[in-house]
């Protein structure tokens, strides 16, 4: 648990995503990266700052709570307008399809270098 918490995940889903990234030896990311966009402060769950790639991990609260759902849309639009590309994954994707998660992230990182 301590090793899994070294990047200070804010949820079990984030902790799992960090474990998956480390197992795949993916480097260059920061957890809970703070960005300011047009006077609003946001935290990106997993940020590949050099590639301007934001990886967001969504739990059920993102779908079930109308305020969280709306706020996430403003937040994502702000990040995109500020030059970030945003990938979103659910907890179910992390558990059931970790290879898909890693392949998608690596493809997007490769795209940013090409």
PDB file of N, CA and C in Angstrom:
ATOM      1  N   UNK A   1       0.825  -1.188   0.000  1.00  0.00           N
ATOM      2  CA  UNK A   1       0.000   0.000   0.000  1.00  0.00           C
ATOM      3  C   UNK A   1       0.875   1.259   0.000  1.00  0.00           C
ATOM      4  N   UNK A   2       1.938   1.254   0.785  1.00  0.00           N
ATOM      5  CA  UNK A   2       2.818   2.424   0.824  1.00  0.00           C
ATOM      6  C   UNK A   2       3.468   2.665  -0.529  1.00  0.00           C
ATOM      7  N   UNK A   3       3.935   1.608  -1.166  1.00  0.00           N
ATOM      8  CA  UNK A   3       4.545   1.767  -2.488  1.00  0.00           C
ATOM      9  C   UNK A   3       3.519   2.300  -3.475  1.00  0.00           C
ATOM     10  N   UNK A   4       2.306   1.763  -3.435  1.00  0.00           N
ATOM     11  CA  UNK A   4       1.251   2.219  -4.341  1.00  0.00           C
ATOM     12  C   UNK A   4       0.834   3.648  -4.061  1.00  0.00           C
ATOM     13  N   UNK A   5       1.119   4.156  -2.880  1.00  0.00           N
ATOM     14  CA  UNK A   5       0.704   5.513  -2.503  1.00  0.00           C
ATOM     15  C   UNK A   5       1.798   6.551  -2.693  1.00  0.00           C
ATOM     16  N   UNK A   6       2.942   6.162  -3.200  1.00  0.00           N
ATOM     17  CA  UNK A   6       4.072   7.093  -3.286  1.00  0.00           C
ATOM     18  C   UNK A   6       3.792   8.304  -4.181  1.00  0.00           C
ATOM     19  N   UNK A   7       2.891   8.156  -5.151  1.00  0.00           N
ATOM     20  CA  UNK A   7       2.556   9.285  -6.026  1.00  0.00           C
ATOM     21  C   UNK A   7       1.328  10.034  -5.546  1.00  0.00           C
ATOM     22  N   UNK A   8       0.903   9.757  -4.313  1.00  0.00           N
ATOM     23  CA  UNK A   8      -0.200  10.440  -3.646  1.00  0.00           C
ATOM     24  C   UNK A   8      -1.511  10.408  -4.440  1.00  0.00           C
ATOM     25  N   UNK A   9      -1.979   9.195  -4.759  1.00  0.00           N
ATOM     26  CA  UNK A   9      -3.276   9.106  -5.458  1.00  0.00           C
ATOM     27  C   UNK A   9      -4.398   9.586  -4.548  1.00  0.00           C
ATOM     28  N   UNK A  10      -5.431  10.153  -5.152  1.00  0.00           N
ATOM     29  CA  UNK A  10      -6.566  10.674  -4.401  1.00  0.00           C
ATOM     30  C   UNK A  10      -7.714   9.680  -4.325  1.00  0.00           C
ATOM     31  N   UNK A  11      -7.561   8.515  -4.969  1.00  0.00           N
ATOM     32  CA  UNK A  11      -8.624   7.511  -4.934  1.00  0.00           C
ATOM     33  C   UNK A  11      -8.016   6.141  -5.216  1.00  0.00           C
ATOM     34  N   UNK A  12      -8.801   5.112  -4.961  1.00  0.00           N
ATOM     35  CA  UNK A  12      -8.358   3.749  -5.269  1.00  0.00           C
ATOM     36  C   UNK A  12      -8.143   3.592  -6.776  1.00  0.00           C
ATOM     37  N   UNK A  13      -8.991   4.228  -7.578  1.00  0.00           N
ATOM     38  CA  UNK A  13      -8.846   4.151  -9.032  1.00  0.00           C
ATOM     39  C   UNK A  13      -7.530   4.789  -9.481  1.00  0.00           C
ATOM     40  N   UNK A  14      -7.185   5.914  -8.899  1.00  0.00           N
ATOM     41  CA  UNK A  14      -5.912   6.547  -9.243  1.00  0.00           C
ATOM     42  C   UNK A  14      -4.744   5.676  -8.803  1.00  0.00           C
ATOM     43  N   UNK A  15      -4.846   5.077  -7.627  1.00  0.00           N
ATOM     44  CA  UNK A  15      -3.790   4.190  -7.143  1.00  0.00           C
ATOM     45  C   UNK A  15      -3.591   3.038  -8.133  1.00  0.00           C
ATOM     46  N   UNK A  16      -4.685   2.455  -8.620  1.00  0.00           N
ATOM     47  CA  UNK A  16      -4.600   1.379  -9.597  1.00  0.00           C
ATOM     48  C   UNK A  16      -3.976   1.875 -10.900  1.00  0.00           C
ATOM     49  N   UNK A  17      -4.360   3.051 -11.354  1.00  0.00           N
ATOM     50  CA  UNK A  17      -3.789   3.582 -12.596  1.00  0.00           C
ATOM     51  C   UNK A  17      -2.285   3.793 -12.463  1.00  0.00           C
ATOM     52  N   UNK A  18      -1.833   4.241 -11.310  1.00  0.00           N
ATOM     53  CA  UNK A  18      -0.395   4.426 -11.083  1.00  0.00           C
ATOM     54  C   UNK A  18       0.322   3.085 -11.125  1.00  0.00           C
ATOM     55  N   UNK A  19      -0.286   2.076 -10.504  1.00  0.00           N
ATOM     56  CA  UNK A  19       0.300   0.732 -10.488  1.00  0.00           C
ATOM     57  C   UNK A  19       0.426   0.198 -11.915  1.00  0.00           C
ATOM     58  N   UNK A  20      -0.609   0.411 -12.731  1.00  0.00           N
ATOM     59  CA  UNK A  20      -0.596  -0.055 -14.119  1.00  0.00           C
ATOM     60  C   UNK A  20       0.490   0.651 -14.919  1.00  0.00           C
ATOM     61  N   UNK A  21       0.619   1.955 -14.738  1.00  0.00           N
ATOM     62  CA  UNK A  21       1.665   2.711 -15.449  1.00  0.00           C
ATOM     63  C   UNK A  21       3.060   2.234 -15.050  1.00  0.00           C
ATOM     64  N   UNK A  22       3.268   2.047 -13.759  1.00  0.00           N
ATOM     65  CA  UNK A  22       4.587   1.590 -13.305  1.00  0.00           C
ATOM     66  C   UNK A  22       4.885   0.183 -13.817  1.00  0.00           C
ATOM     67  N   UNK A  23       3.895  -0.707 -13.799  1.00  0.00           N
ATOM     68  CA  UNK A  23       4.104  -2.082 -14.279  1.00  0.00           C
ATOM     69  C   UNK A  23       4.482  -2.095 -15.761  1.00  0.00           C
ATOM     70  N   UNK A  24       3.936  -1.159 -16.519  1.00  0.00           N
ATOM     71  CA  UNK A  24       4.238  -1.063 -17.949  1.00  0.00           C
ATOM     72  C   UNK A  24       5.496  -0.229 -18.206  1.00  0.00           C
ATOM     73  N   UNK A  25       6.119   0.245 -17.135  1.00  0.00           N
ATOM     74  CA  UNK A  25       7.342   1.064 -17.213  1.00  0.00           C
ATOM     75  C   UNK A  25       7.138   2.355 -18.003  1.00  0.00           C
ATOM     76  N   UNK A  26       5.964   2.924 -17.851  1.00  0.00           N
ATOM     77  CA  UNK A  26       5.676   4.210 -18.490  1.00  0.00           C
ATOM     78  C   UNK A  26       6.210   5.301 -17.572  1.00  0.00           C
ATOM     79  N   UNK A  27       6.979   6.197 -18.124  1.00  0.00           N
ATOM     80  CA  UNK A  27       7.634   7.249 -17.347  1.00  0.00           C
ATOM     81  C   UNK A  27       7.185   8.631 -17.841  1.00  0.00           C
ATOM     82  N   UNK A  28       7.590   9.637 -17.097  1.00  0.00           N
ATOM     83  CA  UNK A  28       7.352  11.010 -17.525  1.00  0.00           C
ATOM     84  C   UNK A  28       6.021  11.590 -17.101  1.00  0.00           C
ATOM     85  N   UNK A  29       5.379  10.982 -16.106  1.00  0.00           N
ATOM     86  CA  UNK A  29       4.071  11.467 -15.665  1.00  0.00           C
ATOM     87  C   UNK A  29       4.139  11.980 -14.243  1.00  0.00           C
ATOM     88  N   UNK A  30       3.181  12.828 -13.927  1.00  0.00           N
ATOM     89  CA  UNK A  30       3.024  13.392 -12.592  1.00  0.00           C
ATOM     90  C   UNK A  30       1.570  13.209 -12.175  1.00  0.00           C
ATOM     91  N   UNK A  31       1.366  12.828 -10.933  1.00  0.00           N
ATOM     92  CA  UNK A  31       0.011  12.664 -10.413  1.00  0.00           C
ATOM     93  C   UNK A  31      -0.507  13.979  -9.860  1.00  0.00           C
ATOM     94  N   UNK A  32      -1.788  14.224 -10.056  1.00  0.00           N
ATOM     95  CA  UNK A  32      -2.473  15.398  -9.508  1.00  0.00           C
ATOM     96  C   UNK A  32      -1.731  16.695  -9.820  1.00  0.00           C
ATOM     97  N   UNK A  33      -1.448  16.854 -11.086  1.00  0.00           N
ATOM     98  CA  UNK A  33      -0.700  18.013 -11.583  1.00  0.00           C
ATOM     99  C   UNK A  33      -1.620  19.242 -11.637  1.00  0.00           C
ATOM    100  N   UNK A  34      -1.208  20.289 -10.966  1.00  0.00           N
ATOM    101  CA  UNK A  34      -2.031  21.512 -10.923  1.00  0.00           C
ATOM    102  C   UNK A  34      -1.766  22.378 -12.147  1.00  0.00           C
ATOM    103  N   UNK A  35      -2.842  22.834 -12.775  1.00  0.00           N
ATOM    104  CA  UNK A  35      -2.754  23.773 -13.890  1.00  0.00           C
ATOM    105  C   UNK A  35      -3.755  24.900 -13.656  1.00  0.00           C
ATOM    106  N   UNK A  36      -3.404  26.066 -14.121  1.00  0.00           N
ATOM    107  CA  UNK A  36      -4.302  27.213 -14.064  1.00  0.00           C
ATOM    108  C   UNK A  36      -4.714  27.558 -15.487  1.00  0.00           C
ATOM    109  N   UNK A  37      -6.010  27.624 -15.700  1.00  0.00           N
ATOM    110  CA  UNK A  37      -6.554  27.908 -17.022  1.00  0.00           C
ATOM    111  C   UNK A  37      -7.583  29.018 -16.883  1.00  0.00           C
ATOM    112  N   UNK A  38      -7.293  30.155 -17.483  1.00  0.00           N
ATOM    113  CA  UNK A  38      -8.223  31.288 -17.475  1.00  0.00           C
ATOM    114  C   UNK A  38      -8.774  31.587 -16.080  1.00  0.00           C
ATOM    115  N   UNK A  39      -7.894  31.615 -15.107  1.00  0.00           N
ATOM    116  CA  UNK A  39      -8.290  31.952 -13.750  1.00  0.00           C
ATOM    117  C   UNK A  39      -8.874  30.806 -12.945  1.00  0.00           C
ATOM    118  N   UNK A  40      -8.997  29.629 -13.548  1.00  0.00           N
ATOM    119  CA  UNK A  40      -9.486  28.456 -12.826  1.00  0.00           C
ATOM    120  C   UNK A  40      -8.327  27.508 -12.557  1.00  0.00           C
ATOM    121  N   UNK A  41      -8.329  26.913 -11.365  1.00  0.00           N
ATOM    122  CA  UNK A  41      -7.281  25.959 -11.005  1.00  0.00           C
ATOM    123  C   UNK A  41      -7.853  24.552 -11.109  1.00  0.00           C
ATOM    124  N   UNK A  42      -7.153  23.710 -11.859  1.00  0.00           N
ATOM    125  CA  UNK A  42      -7.560  22.321 -12.047  1.00  0.00           C
ATOM    126  C   UNK A  42      -6.421  21.401 -11.655  1.00  0.00           C
ATOM    127  N   UNK A  43      -6.763  20.172 -11.318  1.00  0.00           N
ATOM    128  CA  UNK A  43      -5.776  19.136 -11.056  1.00  0.00           C
ATOM    129  C   UNK A  43      -6.009  18.010 -12.053  1.00  0.00           C
ATOM    130  N   UNK A  44      -4.963  17.687 -12.795  1.00  0.00           N
ATOM    131  CA  UNK A  44      -5.016  16.597 -13.762  1.00  0.00           C
ATOM    132  C   UNK A  44      -4.611  15.325 -13.022  1.00  0.00           C
ATOM    133  N   UNK A  45      -5.425  14.275 -13.141  1.00  0.00           N
ATOM    134  CA  UNK A  45      -5.137  13.037 -12.422  1.00  0.00           C
ATOM    135  C   UNK A  45      -3.731  12.525 -12.735  1.00  0.00           C
ATOM    136  N   UNK A  46      -3.422  12.405 -14.013  1.00  0.00           N
ATOM    137  CA  UNK A  46      -2.089  11.985 -14.460  1.00  0.00           C
ATOM    138  C   UNK A  46      -1.711  12.889 -15.626  1.00  0.00           C
ATOM    139  N   UNK A  47      -0.631  13.620 -15.467  1.00  0.00           N
ATOM    140  CA  UNK A  47      -0.211  14.557 -16.504  1.00  0.00           C
ATOM    141  C   UNK A  47       1.144  14.162 -17.078  1.00  0.00           C
ATOM    142  N   UNK A  48       1.186  14.103 -18.388  1.00  0.00           N
ATOM    143  CA  UNK A  48       2.449  13.990 -19.110  1.00  0.00           C
ATOM    144  C   UNK A  48       2.712  15.405 -19.623  1.00  0.00           C
ATOM    145  N   UNK A  49       3.358  16.202 -18.778  1.00  0.00           N
ATOM    146  CA  UNK A  49       3.467  17.640 -19.040  1.00  0.00           C
ATOM    147  C   UNK A  49       4.165  17.938 -20.356  1.00  0.00           C
ATOM    148  N   UNK A  50       5.264  17.260 -20.633  1.00  0.00           N
ATOM    149  CA  UNK A  50       6.021  17.538 -21.862  1.00  0.00           C
ATOM    150  C   UNK A  50       5.163  17.294 -23.105  1.00  0.00           C
ATOM    151  N   UNK A  51       4.286  16.323 -23.052  1.00  0.00           N
ATOM    152  CA  UNK A  51       3.422  15.993 -24.192  1.00  0.00           C
ATOM    153  C   UNK A  51       2.085  16.727 -24.133  1.00  0.00           C
ATOM    154  N   UNK A  52       1.856  17.459 -23.040  1.00  0.00           N
ATOM    155  CA  UNK A  52       0.573  18.144 -22.818  1.00  0.00           C
ATOM    156  C   UNK A  52      -0.585  17.151 -22.923  1.00  0.00           C
ATOM    157  N   UNK A  53      -0.384  15.978 -22.292  1.00  0.00           N
ATOM    158  CA  UNK A  53      -1.395  14.928 -22.284  1.00  0.00           C
ATOM    159  C   UNK A  53      -1.929  14.760 -20.870  1.00  0.00           C
ATOM    160  N   UNK A  54      -3.234  14.915 -20.724  1.00  0.00           N
ATOM    161  CA  UNK A  54      -3.913  14.734 -19.444  1.00  0.00           C
ATOM    162  C   UNK A  54      -4.656  13.406 -19.476  1.00  0.00           C
ATOM    163  N   UNK A  55      -4.464  12.602 -18.436  1.00  0.00           N
ATOM    164  CA  UNK A  55      -5.183  11.340 -18.297  1.00  0.00           C
ATOM    165  C   UNK A  55      -6.085  11.470 -17.087  1.00  0.00           C
ATOM    166  N   UNK A  56      -7.374  11.324 -17.322  1.00  0.00           N
ATOM    167  CA  UNK A  56      -8.362  11.454 -16.254  1.00  0.00           C
ATOM    168  C   UNK A  56      -8.971  10.102 -15.946  1.00  0.00           C
ATOM    169  N   UNK A  57      -9.103   9.812 -14.666  1.00  0.00           N
ATOM    170  CA  UNK A  57      -9.683   8.568 -14.195  1.00  0.00           C
ATOM    171  C   UNK A  57     -11.052   8.904 -13.603  1.00  0.00           C
ATOM    172  N   UNK A  58     -12.098   8.381 -14.213  1.00  0.00           N
ATOM    173  CA  UNK A  58     -13.457   8.714 -13.802  1.00  0.00           C
ATOM    174  C   UNK A  58     -14.115   7.569 -13.043  1.00  0.00           C
ATOM    175  N   UNK A  59     -14.629   7.883 -11.870  1.00  0.00           N
ATOM    176  CA  UNK A  59     -15.448   6.939 -11.120  1.00  0.00           C
ATOM    177  C   UNK A  59     -16.915   7.182 -11.435  1.00  0.00           C
ATOM    178  N   UNK A  60     -17.785   6.440 -10.784  1.00  0.00           N
ATOM    179  CA  UNK A  60     -19.223   6.578 -11.022  1.00  0.00           C
ATOM    180  C   UNK A  60     -19.747   7.959 -10.647  1.00  0.00           C
ATOM    181  N   UNK A  61     -19.100   8.618  -9.687  1.00  0.00           N
ATOM    182  CA  UNK A  61     -19.536   9.943  -9.275  1.00  0.00           C
ATOM    183  C   UNK A  61     -19.567  10.905 -10.457  1.00  0.00           C
ATOM    184  N   UNK A  62     -18.663  10.706 -11.411  1.00  0.00           N
ATOM    185  CA  UNK A  62     -18.599  11.578 -12.575  1.00  0.00           C
ATOM    186  C   UNK A  62     -19.846  11.458 -13.443  1.00  0.00           C
ATOM    187  N   UNK A  63     -20.525  10.320 -13.360  1.00  0.00           N
ATOM    188  CA  UNK A  63     -21.732  10.117 -14.150  1.00  0.00           C
ATOM    189  C   UNK A  63     -22.994  10.357 -13.335  1.00  0.00           C
ATOM    190  N   UNK A  64     -22.952  10.044 -12.056  1.00  0.00           N
ATOM    191  CA  UNK A  64     -24.154  10.066 -11.227  1.00  0.00           C
ATOM    192  C   UNK A  64     -24.462  11.415 -10.589  1.00  0.00           C
ATOM    193  N   UNK A  65     -23.457  12.221 -10.366  1.00  0.00           N
ATOM    194  CA  UNK A  65     -23.662  13.525  -9.736  1.00  0.00           C
ATOM    195  C   UNK A  65     -23.720  14.588 -10.831  1.00  0.00           C
ATOM    196  N   UNK A  66     -24.881  15.211 -11.031  1.00  0.00           N
ATOM    197  CA  UNK A  66     -25.028  16.194 -12.113  1.00  0.00           C
ATOM    198  C   UNK A  66     -24.024  17.345 -12.040  1.00  0.00           C
ATOM    199  N   UNK A  67     -23.701  17.813 -10.834  1.00  0.00           N
ATOM    200  CA  UNK A  67     -22.759  18.930 -10.694  1.00  0.00           C
ATOM    201  C   UNK A  67     -21.338  18.502 -11.096  1.00  0.00           C
ATOM    202  N   UNK A  68     -20.928  17.315 -10.671  1.00  0.00           N
ATOM    203  CA  UNK A  68     -19.607  16.805 -11.050  1.00  0.00           C
ATOM    204  C   UNK A  68     -19.543  16.611 -12.562  1.00  0.00           C
ATOM    205  N   UNK A  69     -20.601  16.072 -13.137  1.00  0.00           N
ATOM    206  CA  UNK A  69     -20.660  15.853 -14.582  1.00  0.00           C
ATOM    207  C   UNK A  69     -20.489  17.173 -15.333  1.00  0.00           C
ATOM    208  N   UNK A  70     -21.230  18.194 -14.938  1.00  0.00           N
ATOM    209  CA  UNK A  70     -21.148  19.505 -15.597  1.00  0.00           C
ATOM    210  C   UNK A  70     -19.776  20.137 -15.410  1.00  0.00           C
ATOM    211  N   UNK A  71     -19.275  20.118 -14.188  1.00  0.00           N
ATOM    212  CA  UNK A  71     -17.971  20.713 -13.887  1.00  0.00           C
ATOM    213  C   UNK A  71     -16.874  20.046 -14.693  1.00  0.00           C
ATOM    214  N   UNK A  72     -16.959  18.723 -14.854  1.00  0.00           N
ATOM    215  CA  UNK A  72     -15.952  18.011 -15.646  1.00  0.00           C
ATOM    216  C   UNK A  72     -15.933  18.480 -17.094  1.00  0.00           C
ATOM    217  N   UNK A  73     -17.083  18.811 -17.630  1.00  0.00           N
ATOM    218  CA  UNK A  73     -17.126  19.262 -19.022  1.00  0.00           C
ATOM    219  C   UNK A  73     -16.452  20.624 -19.176  1.00  0.00           C
ATOM    220  N   UNK A  74     -16.728  21.541 -18.258  1.00  0.00           N
ATOM    221  CA  UNK A  74     -16.045  22.841 -18.286  1.00  0.00           C
ATOM    222  C   UNK A  74     -14.539  22.659 -18.147  1.00  0.00           C
ATOM    223  N   UNK A  75     -14.161  21.801 -17.224  1.00  0.00           N
ATOM    224  CA  UNK A  75     -12.752  21.543 -16.945  1.00  0.00           C
ATOM    225  C   UNK A  75     -12.053  20.966 -18.175  1.00  0.00           C
ATOM    226  N   UNK A  76     -12.660  19.950 -18.794  1.00  0.00           N
ATOM    227  CA  UNK A  76     -12.042  19.348 -19.973  1.00  0.00           C
ATOM    228  C   UNK A  76     -11.943  20.358 -21.110  1.00  0.00           C
ATOM    229  N   UNK A  77     -12.990  21.124 -21.328  1.00  0.00           N
ATOM    230  CA  UNK A  77     -12.946  22.135 -22.386  1.00  0.00           C
ATOM    231  C   UNK A  77     -11.857  23.169 -22.113  1.00  0.00           C
ATOM    232  N   UNK A  78     -11.701  23.575 -20.868  1.00  0.00           N
ATOM    233  CA  UNK A  78     -10.642  24.516 -20.506  1.00  0.00           C
ATOM    234  C   UNK A  78      -9.264  23.948 -20.774  1.00  0.00           C
ATOM    235  N   UNK A  79      -9.064  22.686 -20.411  1.00  0.00           N
ATOM    236  CA  UNK A  79      -7.769  22.046 -20.655  1.00  0.00           C
ATOM    237  C   UNK A  79      -7.477  21.946 -22.147  1.00  0.00           C
ATOM    238  N   UNK A  80      -8.474  21.557 -22.919  1.00  0.00           N
ATOM    239  CA  UNK A  80      -8.287  21.447 -24.370  1.00  0.00           C
ATOM    240  C   UNK A  80      -7.970  22.817 -24.965  1.00  0.00           C
ATOM    241  N   UNK A  81      -8.690  23.827 -24.541  1.00  0.00           N
ATOM    242  CA  UNK A  81      -8.436  25.181 -25.060  1.00  0.00           C
ATOM    243  C   UNK A  81      -7.046  25.675 -24.674  1.00  0.00           C
ATOM    244  N   UNK A  82      -6.503  25.155 -23.571  1.00  0.00           N
ATOM    245  CA  UNK A  82      -5.161  25.544 -23.123  1.00  0.00           C
ATOM    246  C   UNK A  82      -4.075  24.670 -23.765  1.00  0.00           C
ATOM    247  N   UNK A  83      -4.464  23.803 -24.690  1.00  0.00           N
ATOM    248  CA  UNK A  83      -3.486  23.021 -25.431  1.00  0.00           C
ATOM    249  C   UNK A  83      -3.228  21.614 -24.915  1.00  0.00           C
ATOM    250  N   UNK A  84      -4.032  21.148 -23.985  1.00  0.00           N
ATOM    251  CA  UNK A  84      -3.893  19.788 -23.478  1.00  0.00           C
ATOM    252  C   UNK A  84      -4.780  18.847 -24.282  1.00  0.00           C
ATOM    253  N   UNK A  85      -4.301  17.637 -24.513  1.00  0.00           N
ATOM    254  CA  UNK A  85      -5.131  16.561 -25.033  1.00  0.00           C
ATOM    255  C   UNK A  85      -5.570  15.758 -23.820  1.00  0.00           C
ATOM    256  N   UNK A  86      -6.804  15.302 -23.808  1.00  0.00           N
ATOM    257  CA  UNK A  86      -7.359  14.644 -22.625  1.00  0.00           C
ATOM    258  C   UNK A  86      -7.843  13.244 -22.996  1.00  0.00           C
ATOM    259  N   UNK A  87      -7.350  12.262 -22.245  1.00  0.00           N
ATOM    260  CA  UNK A  87      -7.852  10.893 -22.336  1.00  0.00           C
ATOM    261  C   UNK A  87      -8.599  10.595 -21.052  1.00  0.00           C
ATOM    262  N   UNK A  88      -9.722   9.905 -21.161  1.00  0.00           N
ATOM    263  CA  UNK A  88     -10.524   9.556 -19.987  1.00  0.00           C
ATOM    264  C   UNK A  88     -10.686   8.048 -19.917  1.00  0.00           C
ATOM    265  N   UNK A  89     -10.490   7.506 -18.720  1.00  0.00           N
ATOM    266  CA  UNK A  89     -10.660   6.085 -18.481  1.00  0.00           C
ATOM    267  C   UNK A  89     -11.518   5.889 -17.240  1.00  0.00           C
ATOM    268  N   UNK A  90     -12.264   4.799 -17.227  1.00  0.00           N
ATOM    269  CA  UNK A  90     -13.082   4.467 -16.071  1.00  0.00           C
ATOM    270  C   UNK A  90     -12.355   3.430 -15.216  1.00  0.00           C
ATOM    271  N   UNK A  91     -12.834   3.278 -13.996  1.00  0.00           N
ATOM    272  CA  UNK A  91     -12.278   2.262 -13.109  1.00  0.00           C
ATOM    273  C   UNK A  91     -12.439   0.880 -13.742  1.00  0.00           C
ATOM    274  N   UNK A  92     -13.576   0.626 -14.374  1.00  0.00           N
ATOM    275  CA  UNK A  92     -13.797  -0.668 -15.034  1.00  0.00           C
ATOM    276  C   UNK A  92     -12.757  -0.920 -16.121  1.00  0.00           C
ATOM    277  N   UNK A  93     -12.378   0.102 -16.872  1.00  0.00           N
ATOM    278  CA  UNK A  93     -11.342  -0.057 -17.892  1.00  0.00           C
ATOM    279  C   UNK A  93     -10.006  -0.433 -17.251  1.00  0.00           C
ATOM    280  N   UNK A  94      -9.697   0.210 -16.136  1.00  0.00           N
ATOM    281  CA  UNK A  94      -8.439  -0.092 -15.450  1.00  0.00           C
ATOM    282  C   UNK A  94      -8.408  -1.543 -14.977  1.00  0.00           C
ATOM    283  N   UNK A  95      -9.522  -2.011 -14.440  1.00  0.00           N
ATOM    284  CA  UNK A  95      -9.590  -3.369 -13.904  1.00  0.00           C
ATOM    285  C   UNK A  95      -9.654  -4.409 -15.019  1.00  0.00           C
ATOM    286  N   UNK A  96     -10.514  -4.173 -16.007  1.00  0.00           N
ATOM    287  CA  UNK A  96     -10.801  -5.191 -17.023  1.00  0.00           C
ATOM    288  C   UNK A  96      -9.941  -5.103 -18.275  1.00  0.00           C
ATOM    289  N   UNK A  97      -9.431  -3.905 -18.577  1.00  0.00           N
ATOM    290  CA  UNK A  97      -8.685  -3.721 -19.824  1.00  0.00           C
ATOM    291  C   UNK A  97      -7.434  -2.858 -19.627  1.00  0.00           C
ATOM    292  N   UNK A  98      -6.562  -3.222 -18.704  1.00  0.00           N
ATOM    293  CA  UNK A  98      -5.372  -2.394 -18.482  1.00  0.00           C
ATOM    294  C   UNK A  98      -4.486  -2.296 -19.720  1.00  0.00           C
ATOM    295  N   UNK A  99      -4.459  -3.337 -20.547  1.00  0.00           N
ATOM    296  CA  UNK A  99      -3.652  -3.270 -21.773  1.00  0.00           C
ATOM    297  C   UNK A  99      -4.187  -2.203 -22.723  1.00  0.00           C
ATOM    298  N   UNK A 100      -5.500  -2.076 -22.787  1.00  0.00           N
ATOM    299  CA  UNK A 100      -6.109  -1.023 -23.611  1.00  0.00           C
ATOM    300  C   UNK A 100      -5.716   0.356 -23.090  1.00  0.00           C
ATOM    301  N   UNK A 101      -5.754   0.527 -21.780  1.00  0.00           N
ATOM    302  CA  UNK A 101      -5.393   1.814 -21.170  1.00  0.00           C
ATOM    303  C   UNK A 101      -3.961   2.177 -21.538  1.00  0.00           C
ATOM    304  N   UNK A 102      -3.035   1.249 -21.333  1.00  0.00           N
ATOM    305  CA  UNK A 102      -1.624   1.512 -21.624  1.00  0.00           C
ATOM    306  C   UNK A 102      -1.419   1.753 -23.115  1.00  0.00           C
ATOM    307  N   UNK A 103      -2.008   0.917 -23.966  1.00  0.00           N
ATOM    308  CA  UNK A 103      -1.840   1.087 -25.418  1.00  0.00           C
ATOM    309  C   UNK A 103      -2.347   2.442 -25.881  1.00  0.00           C
ATOM    310  N   UNK A 104      -3.464   2.889 -25.332  1.00  0.00           N
ATOM    311  CA  UNK A 104      -4.037   4.179 -25.717  1.00  0.00           C
ATOM    312  C   UNK A 104      -3.124   5.325 -25.286  1.00  0.00           C
ATOM    313  N   UNK A 105      -2.630   5.256 -24.062  1.00  0.00           N
ATOM    314  CA  UNK A 105      -1.723   6.302 -23.569  1.00  0.00           C
ATOM    315  C   UNK A 105      -0.443   6.325 -24.397  1.00  0.00           C
ATOM    316  N   UNK A 106       0.152   5.157 -24.636  1.00  0.00           N
ATOM    317  CA  UNK A 106       1.400   5.109 -25.407  1.00  0.00           C
ATOM    318  C   UNK A 106       1.208   5.604 -26.840  1.00  0.00           C
ATOM    319  N   UNK A 107       0.073   5.282 -27.441  1.00  0.00           N
ATOM    320  CA  UNK A 107      -0.204   5.759 -28.801  1.00  0.00           C
ATOM    321  C   UNK A 107      -0.308   7.266 -28.834  1.00  0.00           C
ATOM    322  N   UNK A 108      -0.949   7.830 -27.831  1.00  0.00           N
ATOM    323  CA  UNK A 108      -1.101   9.287 -27.800  1.00  0.00           C
ATOM    324  C   UNK A 108       0.238   9.968 -27.513  1.00  0.00           C
ATOM    325  N   UNK A 109       1.048   9.357 -26.656  1.00  0.00           N
ATOM    326  CA  UNK A 109       2.389   9.910 -26.407  1.00  0.00           C
ATOM    327  C   UNK A 109       3.246   9.850 -27.666  1.00  0.00           C
ATOM    328  N   UNK A 110       3.162   8.753 -28.406  1.00  0.00           N
ATOM    329  CA  UNK A 110       3.910   8.624 -29.650  1.00  0.00           C
ATOM    330  C   UNK A 110       3.449   9.661 -30.667  1.00  0.00           C
ATOM    331  N   UNK A 111       2.162   9.899 -30.713  1.00  0.00           N
ATOM    332  CA  UNK A 111       1.607  10.896 -31.642  1.00  0.00           C
ATOM    333  C   UNK A 111       2.150  12.287 -31.340  1.00  0.00           C
ATOM    334  N   UNK A 112       2.342  12.570 -30.051  1.00  0.00           N
ATOM    335  CA  UNK A 112       2.832  13.897 -29.670  1.00  0.00           C
ATOM    336  C   UNK A 112       4.292  14.085 -30.033  1.00  0.00           C
ATOM    337  N   UNK A 113       5.030  12.994 -30.212  1.00  0.00           N
ATOM    338  CA  UNK A 113       6.443  13.085 -30.566  1.00  0.00           C
ATOM    339  C   UNK A 113       6.670  13.062 -32.069  1.00  0.00           C
ATOM    340  N   UNK A 114       5.643  12.664 -32.814  1.00  0.00           N
ATOM    341  CA  UNK A 114       5.796  12.494 -34.253  1.00  0.00           C
ATOM    342  C   UNK A 114       5.332  13.627 -35.005  1.00  0.00           C
TER     343      UNK A 114
END
